[in-house]
N, C-alpha and C. Protein backbone atom coordinates (compact mmCIF):
# COMPACT_ATOMS: atom_id res chain seq x y z
N MET A 1 54.47 -4.60 18.82
CA MET A 1 54.69 -5.84 19.55
C MET A 1 53.72 -6.89 19.03
N GLU A 2 54.25 -8.02 18.68
CA GLU A 2 53.41 -9.11 18.22
C GLU A 2 53.46 -10.24 19.24
N LEU A 3 52.29 -10.82 19.48
CA LEU A 3 52.21 -11.94 20.41
C LEU A 3 52.07 -13.24 19.63
N THR A 4 52.69 -14.27 20.16
CA THR A 4 52.49 -15.58 19.57
C THR A 4 51.09 -16.06 19.94
N GLU A 5 50.66 -17.09 19.30
CA GLU A 5 49.34 -17.65 19.61
C GLU A 5 49.27 -18.10 21.07
N GLY A 6 50.33 -18.69 21.56
CA GLY A 6 50.39 -19.13 22.96
C GLY A 6 50.35 -17.97 23.93
N GLN A 7 51.08 -16.91 23.61
CA GLN A 7 51.06 -15.73 24.47
C GLN A 7 49.68 -15.07 24.49
N TRP A 8 49.07 -15.02 23.32
CA TRP A 8 47.73 -14.46 23.22
C TRP A 8 46.74 -15.28 24.06
N ALA A 9 46.85 -16.60 24.01
CA ALA A 9 45.97 -17.48 24.78
C ALA A 9 46.16 -17.26 26.28
N LEU A 10 47.41 -17.12 26.70
CA LEU A 10 47.69 -16.86 28.12
C LEU A 10 47.11 -15.51 28.56
N LEU A 11 47.26 -14.50 27.74
CA LEU A 11 46.72 -13.19 28.04
C LEU A 11 45.20 -13.25 28.16
N LYS A 12 44.56 -13.93 27.23
CA LYS A 12 43.09 -14.07 27.24
C LYS A 12 42.64 -14.84 28.48
N ALA A 13 43.33 -15.91 28.84
CA ALA A 13 42.99 -16.70 30.03
C ALA A 13 43.11 -15.84 31.29
N HIS A 14 44.14 -15.01 31.36
CA HIS A 14 44.33 -14.11 32.51
C HIS A 14 43.19 -13.09 32.56
N GLU A 15 42.84 -12.54 31.42
CA GLU A 15 41.75 -11.57 31.35
C GLU A 15 40.43 -12.21 31.80
N ASP A 16 40.17 -13.43 31.36
CA ASP A 16 38.94 -14.13 31.75
C ASP A 16 38.90 -14.38 33.25
N ARG A 17 40.03 -14.80 33.84
CA ARG A 17 40.09 -15.02 35.29
C ARG A 17 39.81 -13.73 36.05
N ASN A 18 40.39 -12.63 35.59
CA ASN A 18 40.14 -11.34 36.24
C ASN A 18 38.66 -10.96 36.15
N TYR A 19 38.06 -11.19 35.01
CA TYR A 19 36.64 -10.88 34.81
C TYR A 19 35.79 -11.68 35.79
N VAL A 20 36.05 -12.98 35.87
CA VAL A 20 35.28 -13.85 36.77
C VAL A 20 35.52 -13.45 38.22
N ASP A 21 36.76 -13.14 38.59
CA ASP A 21 37.04 -12.72 39.96
C ASP A 21 36.32 -11.42 40.30
N PHE A 22 36.23 -10.50 39.34
CA PHE A 22 35.51 -9.25 39.54
C PHE A 22 34.03 -9.53 39.82
N ILE A 23 33.42 -10.40 39.02
CA ILE A 23 32.00 -10.75 39.21
C ILE A 23 31.83 -11.51 40.52
N ARG A 24 32.78 -12.38 40.85
CA ARG A 24 32.72 -13.12 42.12
C ARG A 24 32.69 -12.13 43.30
N GLY A 25 33.47 -11.07 43.21
CA GLY A 25 33.47 -10.05 44.26
C GLY A 25 32.09 -9.45 44.45
N HIS A 26 31.40 -9.19 43.36
CA HIS A 26 30.04 -8.64 43.45
C HIS A 26 29.06 -9.67 44.02
N ILE A 27 29.22 -10.91 43.62
CA ILE A 27 28.35 -11.98 44.13
C ILE A 27 28.52 -12.10 45.64
N VAL A 28 29.76 -12.13 46.09
CA VAL A 28 30.04 -12.26 47.53
C VAL A 28 29.54 -11.03 48.29
N ARG A 29 29.66 -9.86 47.67
CA ARG A 29 29.13 -8.64 48.30
C ARG A 29 27.61 -8.75 48.47
N ASP A 30 26.94 -9.26 47.43
CA ASP A 30 25.48 -9.37 47.46
C ASP A 30 24.98 -10.55 48.31
N TYR A 31 25.79 -11.59 48.39
CA TYR A 31 25.43 -12.80 49.14
C TYR A 31 26.64 -13.22 49.99
N PRO A 32 26.85 -12.55 51.12
CA PRO A 32 28.07 -12.77 51.92
C PRO A 32 28.31 -14.22 52.34
N ALA A 33 27.26 -15.00 52.51
CA ALA A 33 27.45 -16.40 52.91
C ALA A 33 28.26 -17.18 51.88
N LEU A 34 28.23 -16.75 50.63
CA LEU A 34 28.98 -17.45 49.59
C LEU A 34 30.48 -17.23 49.69
N ALA A 35 30.91 -16.25 50.48
CA ALA A 35 32.34 -16.00 50.66
C ALA A 35 33.04 -17.22 51.25
N ASN A 36 32.31 -18.04 51.99
CA ASN A 36 32.88 -19.22 52.63
C ASN A 36 32.75 -20.48 51.78
N ASP A 37 32.23 -20.36 50.57
CA ASP A 37 32.07 -21.52 49.69
C ASP A 37 33.39 -21.78 48.97
N PRO A 38 34.09 -22.87 49.33
CA PRO A 38 35.39 -23.13 48.71
C PRO A 38 35.29 -23.52 47.23
N THR A 39 34.10 -23.85 46.77
CA THR A 39 33.93 -24.27 45.38
C THR A 39 33.52 -23.13 44.45
N LEU A 40 33.20 -21.98 45.03
CA LEU A 40 32.61 -20.89 44.24
C LEU A 40 33.50 -20.45 43.07
N ARG A 41 34.75 -20.20 43.33
CA ARG A 41 35.64 -19.71 42.25
C ARG A 41 35.71 -20.71 41.10
N ASP A 42 35.90 -21.98 41.40
CA ASP A 42 35.98 -22.99 40.35
C ASP A 42 34.65 -23.13 39.61
N ARG A 43 33.55 -23.07 40.35
CA ARG A 43 32.23 -23.18 39.71
C ARG A 43 31.98 -22.00 38.78
N LEU A 44 32.36 -20.81 39.22
CA LEU A 44 32.16 -19.63 38.38
C LEU A 44 33.05 -19.68 37.13
N ASN A 45 34.27 -20.16 37.29
CA ASN A 45 35.15 -20.30 36.12
C ASN A 45 34.57 -21.30 35.13
N ALA A 46 34.03 -22.40 35.64
CA ALA A 46 33.41 -23.40 34.75
C ALA A 46 32.16 -22.83 34.09
N ALA A 47 31.36 -22.09 34.83
CA ALA A 47 30.16 -21.49 34.26
C ALA A 47 30.53 -20.45 33.20
N PHE A 48 31.58 -19.68 33.47
CA PHE A 48 32.04 -18.70 32.49
C PHE A 48 32.49 -19.41 31.21
N ALA A 49 33.22 -20.49 31.37
CA ALA A 49 33.64 -21.27 30.19
C ALA A 49 32.42 -21.77 29.42
N GLN A 50 31.37 -22.14 30.15
CA GLN A 50 30.14 -22.60 29.50
C GLN A 50 29.51 -21.46 28.69
N THR A 51 29.55 -20.23 29.21
CA THR A 51 28.99 -19.12 28.44
C THR A 51 29.76 -18.93 27.14
N ARG A 52 31.04 -19.19 27.18
CA ARG A 52 31.86 -19.09 25.96
C ARG A 52 31.47 -20.19 24.98
N MET A 53 31.28 -21.40 25.49
CA MET A 53 30.88 -22.51 24.62
C MET A 53 29.50 -22.27 24.01
N LEU A 54 28.64 -21.61 24.79
CA LEU A 54 27.29 -21.30 24.30
C LEU A 54 27.29 -20.03 23.43
N ARG A 55 28.46 -19.42 23.29
CA ARG A 55 28.64 -18.23 22.45
C ARG A 55 27.93 -16.98 22.95
N PHE A 56 27.88 -16.83 24.28
CA PHE A 56 27.36 -15.59 24.84
C PHE A 56 28.34 -14.48 24.45
N THR A 57 27.80 -13.30 24.18
CA THR A 57 28.65 -12.19 23.76
C THR A 57 28.47 -10.95 24.62
N ARG A 58 27.37 -10.88 25.37
CA ARG A 58 27.06 -9.65 26.12
C ARG A 58 27.23 -9.86 27.61
N ASP A 59 27.67 -8.80 28.29
CA ASP A 59 27.98 -8.88 29.72
C ASP A 59 26.77 -9.22 30.59
N VAL A 60 25.62 -8.61 30.33
CA VAL A 60 24.47 -8.82 31.23
C VAL A 60 24.10 -10.30 31.33
N PRO A 61 23.90 -11.01 30.21
CA PRO A 61 23.57 -12.43 30.37
C PRO A 61 24.71 -13.25 30.96
N ILE A 62 25.95 -12.87 30.68
CA ILE A 62 27.08 -13.60 31.28
C ILE A 62 27.07 -13.42 32.79
N VAL A 63 26.88 -12.21 33.25
CA VAL A 63 26.84 -11.95 34.70
C VAL A 63 25.65 -12.67 35.31
N ASP A 64 24.49 -12.62 34.68
CA ASP A 64 23.32 -13.35 35.19
C ASP A 64 23.59 -14.84 35.27
N PHE A 65 24.28 -15.38 34.27
CA PHE A 65 24.62 -16.80 34.26
C PHE A 65 25.51 -17.13 35.46
N LEU A 66 26.48 -16.27 35.76
CA LEU A 66 27.37 -16.51 36.90
C LEU A 66 26.62 -16.39 38.22
N TYR A 67 25.72 -15.43 38.32
CA TYR A 67 24.90 -15.31 39.54
C TYR A 67 24.02 -16.56 39.69
N ALA A 68 23.46 -17.04 38.59
CA ALA A 68 22.62 -18.24 38.66
C ALA A 68 23.44 -19.44 39.13
N GLU A 69 24.67 -19.55 38.64
CA GLU A 69 25.55 -20.64 39.08
C GLU A 69 25.87 -20.52 40.57
N ALA A 70 26.09 -19.30 41.03
CA ALA A 70 26.39 -19.11 42.45
C ALA A 70 25.22 -19.56 43.32
N ALA A 71 24.01 -19.27 42.88
CA ALA A 71 22.81 -19.59 43.65
C ALA A 71 22.40 -21.06 43.51
N THR A 72 22.60 -21.62 42.32
CA THR A 72 22.16 -22.98 42.03
C THR A 72 23.30 -23.70 41.31
N PRO A 73 24.21 -24.33 42.06
CA PRO A 73 25.36 -24.97 41.44
C PRO A 73 24.97 -25.98 40.35
N GLY A 74 25.61 -25.81 39.21
CA GLY A 74 25.38 -26.73 38.10
C GLY A 74 24.04 -26.59 37.42
N PHE A 75 23.36 -25.45 37.61
CA PHE A 75 22.02 -25.28 37.04
C PHE A 75 22.00 -25.53 35.54
N TYR A 76 23.08 -25.21 34.87
CA TYR A 76 23.10 -25.33 33.41
C TYR A 76 23.28 -26.77 32.93
N TRP A 77 23.39 -27.71 33.85
CA TRP A 77 23.42 -29.13 33.49
C TRP A 77 22.09 -29.81 33.76
N ILE A 78 21.12 -29.09 34.32
CA ILE A 78 19.78 -29.65 34.52
C ILE A 78 19.21 -29.95 33.13
N PRO A 79 18.73 -31.18 32.91
CA PRO A 79 18.29 -31.57 31.56
C PRO A 79 17.32 -30.59 30.90
N ALA A 80 16.37 -30.05 31.64
CA ALA A 80 15.42 -29.11 31.04
C ALA A 80 16.12 -27.82 30.61
N VAL A 81 17.11 -27.37 31.38
CA VAL A 81 17.85 -26.16 31.02
C VAL A 81 18.72 -26.43 29.79
N VAL A 82 19.39 -27.58 29.78
CA VAL A 82 20.20 -27.96 28.61
C VAL A 82 19.34 -27.98 27.36
N ALA A 83 18.19 -28.63 27.45
CA ALA A 83 17.29 -28.73 26.29
C ALA A 83 16.84 -27.35 25.84
N TRP A 84 16.50 -26.49 26.77
CA TRP A 84 16.03 -25.14 26.43
C TRP A 84 17.14 -24.33 25.76
N LEU A 85 18.34 -24.36 26.33
CA LEU A 85 19.43 -23.56 25.78
C LEU A 85 19.87 -24.02 24.40
N HIS A 86 19.67 -25.30 24.11
CA HIS A 86 20.10 -25.85 22.82
C HIS A 86 18.96 -25.99 21.81
N LYS A 87 17.80 -25.52 22.17
CA LYS A 87 16.67 -25.59 21.26
C LYS A 87 16.93 -24.66 20.07
N PRO A 88 16.67 -25.15 18.85
CA PRO A 88 16.94 -24.30 17.68
C PRO A 88 15.98 -23.13 17.58
N GLY A 89 16.39 -22.14 16.82
CA GLY A 89 15.52 -21.00 16.56
C GLY A 89 16.15 -19.68 16.95
N VAL A 90 16.66 -19.60 18.17
CA VAL A 90 17.37 -18.40 18.62
C VAL A 90 18.63 -18.85 19.36
N SER A 91 19.51 -17.91 19.62
CA SER A 91 20.78 -18.25 20.27
C SER A 91 20.56 -18.69 21.72
N ALA A 92 21.53 -19.42 22.24
CA ALA A 92 21.48 -19.84 23.64
C ALA A 92 21.45 -18.63 24.56
N GLU A 93 22.14 -17.57 24.17
CA GLU A 93 22.15 -16.35 24.97
C GLU A 93 20.74 -15.76 25.07
N GLN A 94 20.04 -15.70 23.95
CA GLN A 94 18.67 -15.18 23.96
C GLN A 94 17.75 -16.10 24.75
N ARG A 95 17.94 -17.40 24.60
CA ARG A 95 17.11 -18.35 25.36
C ARG A 95 17.35 -18.20 26.85
N PHE A 96 18.61 -17.99 27.25
CA PHE A 96 18.91 -17.80 28.67
C PHE A 96 18.23 -16.53 29.18
N GLU A 97 18.26 -15.46 28.38
CA GLU A 97 17.58 -14.23 28.79
C GLU A 97 16.09 -14.46 28.95
N MET A 98 15.50 -15.25 28.08
CA MET A 98 14.07 -15.58 28.21
C MET A 98 13.82 -16.35 29.50
N LEU A 99 14.70 -17.29 29.80
CA LEU A 99 14.59 -18.08 31.03
C LEU A 99 14.65 -17.17 32.25
N MET A 100 15.56 -16.21 32.23
CA MET A 100 15.68 -15.28 33.36
C MET A 100 14.43 -14.41 33.48
N GLN A 101 13.87 -13.97 32.37
CA GLN A 101 12.65 -13.16 32.40
C GLN A 101 11.49 -13.93 33.02
N VAL A 102 11.34 -15.18 32.61
CA VAL A 102 10.26 -16.01 33.16
C VAL A 102 10.49 -16.25 34.64
N THR A 103 11.72 -16.51 35.02
CA THR A 103 12.04 -16.75 36.43
C THR A 103 11.71 -15.52 37.27
N HIS A 104 12.11 -14.35 36.81
CA HIS A 104 11.83 -13.11 37.55
C HIS A 104 10.32 -12.86 37.63
N LYS A 105 9.62 -13.12 36.56
CA LYS A 105 8.17 -12.91 36.56
C LYS A 105 7.49 -13.84 37.57
N ARG A 106 7.91 -15.08 37.60
CA ARG A 106 7.32 -16.03 38.55
C ARG A 106 7.65 -15.65 39.99
N GLN A 107 8.85 -15.16 40.22
CA GLN A 107 9.21 -14.71 41.57
C GLN A 107 8.32 -13.55 41.99
N GLN A 108 8.08 -12.61 41.09
CA GLN A 108 7.21 -11.48 41.39
C GLN A 108 5.79 -11.95 41.70
N GLU A 109 5.29 -12.88 40.90
CA GLU A 109 3.94 -13.40 41.12
C GLU A 109 3.83 -14.08 42.48
N MET A 110 4.88 -14.81 42.86
CA MET A 110 4.87 -15.49 44.16
C MET A 110 4.89 -14.46 45.30
N LYS A 111 5.66 -13.39 45.14
CA LYS A 111 5.70 -12.34 46.17
C LYS A 111 4.35 -11.67 46.30
N GLU A 112 3.69 -11.44 45.19
CA GLU A 112 2.38 -10.77 45.20
C GLU A 112 1.30 -11.64 45.86
N LYS A 113 1.43 -12.95 45.80
CA LYS A 113 0.45 -13.86 46.39
C LYS A 113 0.57 -13.93 47.90
N ARG A 114 1.68 -13.51 48.44
CA ARG A 114 1.89 -13.58 49.91
C ARG A 114 1.06 -12.58 50.62
């Protein structure tokens, strides 16, 4: 069976929606208050599209990116985040992972100070 380019694009779009809906289910399970957010699905789809534009290839950073969007709408449009993700030297995916590591470390430090 051969698919036309249009059929292939539709199949890929459907697969992407299913992937985002699956992650959305986990986000809502972990943060039940977000179940009532009428913008969540659209925001997650837009964030997922952004991971594609940034050429993310691995599930862990993609899922982290979607969780970050759920917690902080539009975080990836914050000028400092944009500048960091587009800084030359390493991929945007690696830079995002570095950002997440620093964020987690600072959260731990703040918890320890309490």
